[in-house]
N, C-alpha and C. Protein backbone atom coordinates (compact mmCIF):
# COMPACT_ATOMS: atom_id res chain seq x y z
N UNK A 1 -25.46 -75.60 23.06
CA UNK A 1 -25.11 -74.86 21.81
C UNK A 1 -23.91 -74.04 21.97
N UNK A 2 -23.66 -73.42 23.05
CA UNK A 2 -22.56 -72.51 23.13
C UNK A 2 -21.29 -73.27 22.78
N UNK A 3 -21.15 -74.52 23.19
CA UNK A 3 -19.73 -75.05 22.64
C UNK A 3 -19.72 -75.42 21.26
N UNK A 4 -20.70 -75.59 20.60
CA UNK A 4 -20.86 -75.84 19.30
C UNK A 4 -20.49 -74.69 18.48
N UNK A 5 -21.00 -73.50 18.85
CA UNK A 5 -20.75 -72.18 18.34
C UNK A 5 -19.19 -71.97 18.55
N UNK A 6 -18.79 -72.15 19.79
CA UNK A 6 -17.14 -71.82 19.98
C UNK A 6 -16.51 -72.82 19.00
N UNK A 7 -16.84 -74.13 18.85
CA UNK A 7 -15.93 -75.08 18.08
C UNK A 7 -16.28 -74.72 16.67
N UNK A 8 -17.40 -74.33 16.25
CA UNK A 8 -17.63 -73.90 14.82
C UNK A 8 -16.64 -72.76 14.31
N UNK A 9 -16.67 -71.73 15.25
CA UNK A 9 -15.94 -70.45 15.02
C UNK A 9 -14.59 -70.87 15.02
N UNK A 10 -13.98 -71.63 15.89
CA UNK A 10 -12.59 -71.99 15.85
C UNK A 10 -12.18 -72.63 14.77
N UNK A 11 -12.90 -73.41 14.25
CA UNK A 11 -12.63 -74.40 13.08
C UNK A 11 -12.67 -73.47 11.77
N UNK A 12 -13.56 -72.35 11.70
CA UNK A 12 -13.56 -71.45 10.52
C UNK A 12 -12.26 -70.58 10.65
N UNK A 13 -11.98 -70.33 11.84
CA UNK A 13 -10.79 -69.44 11.92
C UNK A 13 -9.38 -70.35 11.60
N UNK A 14 -9.51 -71.59 11.91
CA UNK A 14 -8.33 -72.33 11.61
C UNK A 14 -8.18 -72.67 10.20
N UNK A 15 -9.37 -72.93 9.59
CA UNK A 15 -9.34 -73.12 8.08
C UNK A 15 -8.88 -71.77 7.47
N UNK A 16 -8.95 -70.75 7.80
CA UNK A 16 -8.38 -69.46 7.27
C UNK A 16 -7.01 -69.68 7.36
N UNK A 17 -6.20 -70.03 8.41
CA UNK A 17 -4.89 -70.08 8.56
C UNK A 17 -4.30 -71.30 7.88
N UNK A 18 -4.91 -72.35 7.83
CA UNK A 18 -4.42 -73.71 7.25
C UNK A 18 -4.06 -73.61 5.81
N UNK A 19 -4.93 -72.91 4.95
CA UNK A 19 -4.70 -72.80 3.56
C UNK A 19 -3.63 -71.87 3.36
N UNK A 20 -2.67 -72.35 2.44
CA UNK A 20 -1.61 -71.36 2.13
C UNK A 20 -1.25 -71.74 0.49
N UNK A 21 -0.31 -70.90 0.13
CA UNK A 21 0.07 -71.19 -1.33
C UNK A 21 0.84 -72.69 -1.58
N UNK A 22 1.41 -73.15 -0.48
CA UNK A 22 1.87 -74.55 -0.48
C UNK A 22 1.01 -75.71 -0.94
N UNK A 23 -0.17 -75.57 0.06
CA UNK A 23 -1.22 -76.76 -0.05
C UNK A 23 -2.42 -76.31 -0.65
N UNK A 24 -2.61 -75.21 -1.32
CA UNK A 24 -3.75 -74.93 -2.18
C UNK A 24 -4.13 -75.84 -3.20
N UNK A 25 -3.06 -76.45 -3.77
CA UNK A 25 -3.48 -77.47 -4.79
C UNK A 25 -4.12 -78.55 -4.29
N UNK A 26 -4.05 -78.94 -3.07
CA UNK A 26 -4.82 -80.18 -2.49
C UNK A 26 -6.14 -79.49 -1.52
N UNK A 27 -6.06 -78.41 -1.09
CA UNK A 27 -7.16 -77.98 0.04
C UNK A 27 -8.03 -77.15 -0.62
N UNK A 28 -7.87 -76.47 -1.78
CA UNK A 28 -8.79 -75.38 -2.20
C UNK A 28 -9.70 -76.15 -3.30
N UNK A 29 -11.08 -76.26 -2.96
CA UNK A 29 -11.85 -76.77 -3.96
C UNK A 29 -12.06 -75.88 -5.26
N UNK A 30 -11.73 -76.42 -6.36
CA UNK A 30 -11.85 -75.80 -7.56
C UNK A 30 -10.60 -75.24 -8.14
N UNK A 31 -9.65 -74.95 -7.36
CA UNK A 31 -8.25 -74.65 -7.61
C UNK A 31 -7.57 -75.98 -8.01
N UNK A 32 -7.91 -76.99 -7.25
CA UNK A 32 -7.12 -78.11 -7.36
C UNK A 32 -7.64 -78.96 -8.69
N UNK A 33 -8.59 -78.68 -9.35
CA UNK A 33 -9.09 -79.03 -10.54
C UNK A 33 -8.65 -78.18 -11.86
N UNK A 34 -8.06 -77.12 -11.58
CA UNK A 34 -7.75 -76.09 -12.61
C UNK A 34 -6.48 -76.81 -13.53
N UNK A 35 -6.58 -76.34 -14.75
CA UNK A 35 -5.31 -76.78 -15.57
C UNK A 35 -4.20 -75.80 -15.26
N UNK A 36 -2.98 -76.12 -15.59
CA UNK A 36 -1.90 -75.33 -15.36
C UNK A 36 -2.03 -73.85 -15.86
N UNK A 37 -2.71 -73.74 -17.09
CA UNK A 37 -3.03 -72.51 -17.65
C UNK A 37 -3.82 -71.52 -16.73
N UNK A 38 -5.03 -72.14 -16.23
CA UNK A 38 -5.94 -71.42 -15.49
C UNK A 38 -5.39 -71.05 -14.11
N UNK A 39 -4.52 -71.94 -13.65
CA UNK A 39 -3.86 -71.71 -12.42
C UNK A 39 -2.73 -70.44 -12.40
N UNK A 40 -2.42 -70.22 -13.72
CA UNK A 40 -1.32 -69.37 -13.98
C UNK A 40 -2.23 -67.83 -14.09
N UNK A 41 -3.41 -67.84 -14.61
CA UNK A 41 -4.31 -66.74 -14.64
C UNK A 41 -5.09 -66.35 -13.26
N UNK A 42 -4.90 -67.41 -12.32
CA UNK A 42 -5.70 -67.02 -11.19
C UNK A 42 -4.66 -66.50 -10.21
N UNK A 43 -5.01 -65.18 -9.50
CA UNK A 43 -4.37 -64.77 -8.69
C UNK A 43 -4.52 -65.29 -7.10
N UNK A 44 -3.71 -66.40 -6.87
CA UNK A 44 -3.70 -67.02 -5.67
C UNK A 44 -3.38 -66.34 -4.57
N UNK A 45 -2.38 -65.51 -4.42
CA UNK A 45 -1.89 -64.85 -3.39
C UNK A 45 -2.81 -64.00 -2.84
N UNK A 46 -3.62 -63.11 -3.75
CA UNK A 46 -4.59 -62.24 -3.19
C UNK A 46 -5.75 -62.76 -2.63
N UNK A 47 -6.14 -63.85 -3.48
CA UNK A 47 -7.31 -64.83 -3.22
C UNK A 47 -7.14 -65.36 -1.86
N UNK A 48 -5.76 -65.78 -1.40
CA UNK A 48 -5.71 -66.39 -0.03
C UNK A 48 -5.81 -65.22 0.95
N UNK A 49 -5.37 -64.12 0.76
CA UNK A 49 -5.61 -63.00 1.66
C UNK A 49 -7.06 -62.63 1.82
N UNK A 50 -7.71 -62.77 0.87
CA UNK A 50 -9.22 -62.52 0.83
C UNK A 50 -10.00 -63.73 1.65
N UNK A 51 -9.36 -64.85 1.47
CA UNK A 51 -10.08 -66.06 1.83
C UNK A 51 -9.85 -66.08 3.53
N UNK A 52 -8.56 -65.91 3.95
CA UNK A 52 -8.31 -65.67 5.39
C UNK A 52 -8.89 -64.71 6.09
N UNK A 53 -9.11 -63.45 5.63
CA UNK A 53 -9.92 -62.31 5.97
C UNK A 53 -11.27 -62.66 6.17
N UNK A 54 -11.93 -63.33 5.09
CA UNK A 54 -13.29 -63.73 5.08
C UNK A 54 -13.49 -64.80 6.16
N UNK A 55 -12.78 -65.67 6.20
CA UNK A 55 -12.91 -66.84 7.19
C UNK A 55 -12.85 -66.27 8.69
N UNK A 56 -11.79 -65.53 8.97
CA UNK A 56 -11.87 -64.81 10.19
C UNK A 56 -13.08 -63.96 10.56
N UNK A 57 -13.49 -63.25 9.55
CA UNK A 57 -14.58 -62.30 9.94
C UNK A 57 -15.83 -63.14 10.10
N UNK A 58 -15.98 -64.15 9.43
CA UNK A 58 -17.34 -65.03 9.58
C UNK A 58 -17.22 -65.79 10.92
N UNK A 59 -16.08 -66.09 11.25
CA UNK A 59 -15.85 -66.81 12.64
C UNK A 59 -16.05 -65.96 13.66
N UNK A 60 -15.71 -64.69 13.63
CA UNK A 60 -15.77 -63.62 14.71
C UNK A 60 -17.08 -63.09 14.76
N UNK A 61 -17.50 -62.58 13.88
CA UNK A 61 -18.86 -62.00 13.71
C UNK A 61 -20.15 -62.98 13.94
N UNK A 62 -20.06 -64.04 13.44
CA UNK A 62 -21.29 -65.05 13.80
C UNK A 62 -21.17 -65.38 15.13
N UNK A 63 -19.96 -65.55 15.81
CA UNK A 63 -19.88 -65.75 17.22
C UNK A 63 -20.51 -64.63 18.04
N UNK A 64 -20.05 -63.59 17.78
CA UNK A 64 -20.56 -62.22 18.48
C UNK A 64 -22.02 -62.28 18.39
N UNK A 65 -22.58 -62.36 17.16
CA UNK A 65 -24.02 -62.17 16.90
C UNK A 65 -24.81 -63.25 17.54
N UNK A 66 -24.16 -64.47 17.84
CA UNK A 66 -24.89 -65.50 18.52
C UNK A 66 -24.73 -65.10 20.22
N UNK A 67 -23.62 -64.71 20.60
CA UNK A 67 -23.97 -64.50 21.92
C UNK A 67 -24.39 -63.20 22.37
N UNK A 68 -24.68 -62.34 21.60
CA UNK A 68 -25.69 -61.12 21.76
C UNK A 68 -27.02 -61.54 21.61
N UNK A 69 -27.34 -62.48 20.58
CA UNK A 69 -28.76 -62.90 20.34
C UNK A 69 -29.33 -63.71 21.66
N UNK A 70 -28.10 -64.40 22.14
CA UNK A 70 -28.71 -65.29 23.40
C UNK A 70 -29.14 -64.54 24.71
N UNK A 71 -28.64 -63.07 24.67
CA UNK A 71 -29.03 -62.27 25.67
C UNK A 71 -30.55 -61.99 25.62
N UNK A 72 -31.11 -61.95 24.21
CA UNK A 72 -32.37 -61.37 23.91
C UNK A 72 -33.39 -62.44 23.62
N UNK A 73 -32.95 -63.55 23.31
CA UNK A 73 -33.76 -64.50 22.72
C UNK A 73 -33.58 -66.05 23.44
N UNK A 74 -34.59 -67.02 23.18
CA UNK A 74 -34.59 -68.18 23.48
C UNK A 74 -33.28 -68.89 22.87
N UNK A 75 -32.79 -70.05 23.46
CA UNK A 75 -31.63 -70.79 22.80
C UNK A 75 -32.10 -71.05 21.36
N UNK A 76 -33.10 -71.76 21.17
CA UNK A 76 -33.39 -72.17 19.78
C UNK A 76 -33.63 -70.89 18.73
N UNK A 77 -34.09 -69.91 19.28
CA UNK A 77 -34.26 -68.82 18.17
C UNK A 77 -32.74 -68.28 18.11
N UNK A 78 -31.82 -68.24 19.12
CA UNK A 78 -30.57 -67.90 18.91
C UNK A 78 -29.70 -68.78 17.94
N UNK A 79 -30.00 -70.15 18.14
CA UNK A 79 -29.46 -71.17 17.14
C UNK A 79 -29.79 -70.83 15.66
N UNK A 80 -31.16 -70.54 15.26
CA UNK A 80 -31.64 -70.22 13.95
C UNK A 80 -30.93 -68.79 13.57
N UNK A 81 -30.84 -67.77 14.35
CA UNK A 81 -30.02 -66.71 13.94
C UNK A 81 -28.57 -67.00 13.66
N UNK A 82 -28.04 -67.91 14.45
CA UNK A 82 -26.59 -68.11 14.15
C UNK A 82 -26.52 -68.98 12.79
N UNK A 83 -27.25 -69.92 12.59
CA UNK A 83 -27.29 -70.87 11.14
C UNK A 83 -27.57 -69.76 10.22
N UNK A 84 -28.43 -68.79 10.29
CA UNK A 84 -28.65 -67.72 9.29
C UNK A 84 -27.63 -67.06 8.92
N UNK A 85 -26.81 -66.38 9.87
CA UNK A 85 -25.61 -65.60 9.75
C UNK A 85 -24.35 -66.49 9.21
N UNK A 86 -24.52 -67.72 9.46
CA UNK A 86 -23.28 -68.46 8.75
C UNK A 86 -23.68 -68.64 7.42
N UNK A 87 -24.80 -68.69 7.05
CA UNK A 87 -25.33 -68.88 5.45
C UNK A 87 -25.26 -67.61 4.56
N UNK A 88 -25.62 -66.53 5.22
CA UNK A 88 -25.80 -65.38 4.31
C UNK A 88 -24.56 -64.71 3.74
N UNK A 89 -23.37 -64.79 4.30
CA UNK A 89 -22.23 -64.22 3.68
C UNK A 89 -21.63 -65.00 2.37
N UNK A 90 -22.10 -66.29 2.27
CA UNK A 90 -21.30 -67.20 1.36
C UNK A 90 -21.78 -66.80 0.01
N UNK A 91 -22.84 -66.29 -0.51
CA UNK A 91 -23.13 -65.79 -1.85
C UNK A 91 -22.01 -64.64 -2.08
N UNK A 92 -21.88 -63.73 -1.16
CA UNK A 92 -20.95 -62.63 -1.47
C UNK A 92 -19.42 -63.17 -1.76
N UNK A 93 -19.07 -64.29 -1.01
CA UNK A 93 -17.75 -64.88 -1.19
C UNK A 93 -17.52 -65.41 -2.61
N UNK A 94 -18.51 -66.11 -2.90
CA UNK A 94 -18.58 -66.71 -4.17
C UNK A 94 -18.44 -65.76 -5.31
N UNK A 95 -19.44 -64.71 -5.13
CA UNK A 95 -19.54 -63.63 -6.23
C UNK A 95 -18.21 -62.87 -6.42
N UNK A 96 -17.63 -62.29 -5.31
CA UNK A 96 -16.22 -61.71 -5.21
C UNK A 96 -15.08 -62.68 -5.89
N UNK A 97 -15.08 -63.86 -5.36
CA UNK A 97 -14.19 -64.70 -5.75
C UNK A 97 -14.20 -65.12 -7.29
N UNK A 98 -15.11 -65.02 -7.92
CA UNK A 98 -15.40 -65.28 -9.37
C UNK A 98 -14.91 -63.99 -9.99
N UNK A 99 -15.23 -62.78 -9.49
CA UNK A 99 -15.07 -61.48 -10.19
C UNK A 99 -13.68 -61.01 -10.13
N UNK A 100 -13.06 -61.01 -8.96
CA UNK A 100 -11.83 -60.46 -8.70
C UNK A 100 -10.53 -61.23 -9.01
N UNK A 101 -10.46 -62.56 -8.90
CA UNK A 101 -9.02 -62.94 -8.75
C UNK A 101 -8.82 -63.73 -9.99
N UNK A 102 -9.72 -63.78 -11.10
CA UNK A 102 -9.19 -64.34 -12.38
C UNK A 102 -8.51 -63.14 -13.21
N UNK A 103 -7.36 -63.49 -13.63
CA UNK A 103 -6.71 -62.34 -14.27
C UNK A 103 -7.05 -62.28 -15.77
């Protein structure tokens, strides 16, 4: 499970760095289906800053929480804690993305 956590954390961090202004049209779900007018009203630069920070934070904090939980719990319980920690922040991401970045 430790290798899976390291791989997942690395993958999330890499996703934060891969997406940029040049490839957002093809990599960002939802943005690639917007019309030109909607894209002009969307604050892509600040969204990408938020996206990168969010992905790096999720990557780092979930890994830390897993490795701390493995000291106190069995592997199965730590895996459940890790899965919950991966799922909990996404509603926040969606709410902030919908409120803050549309001009």
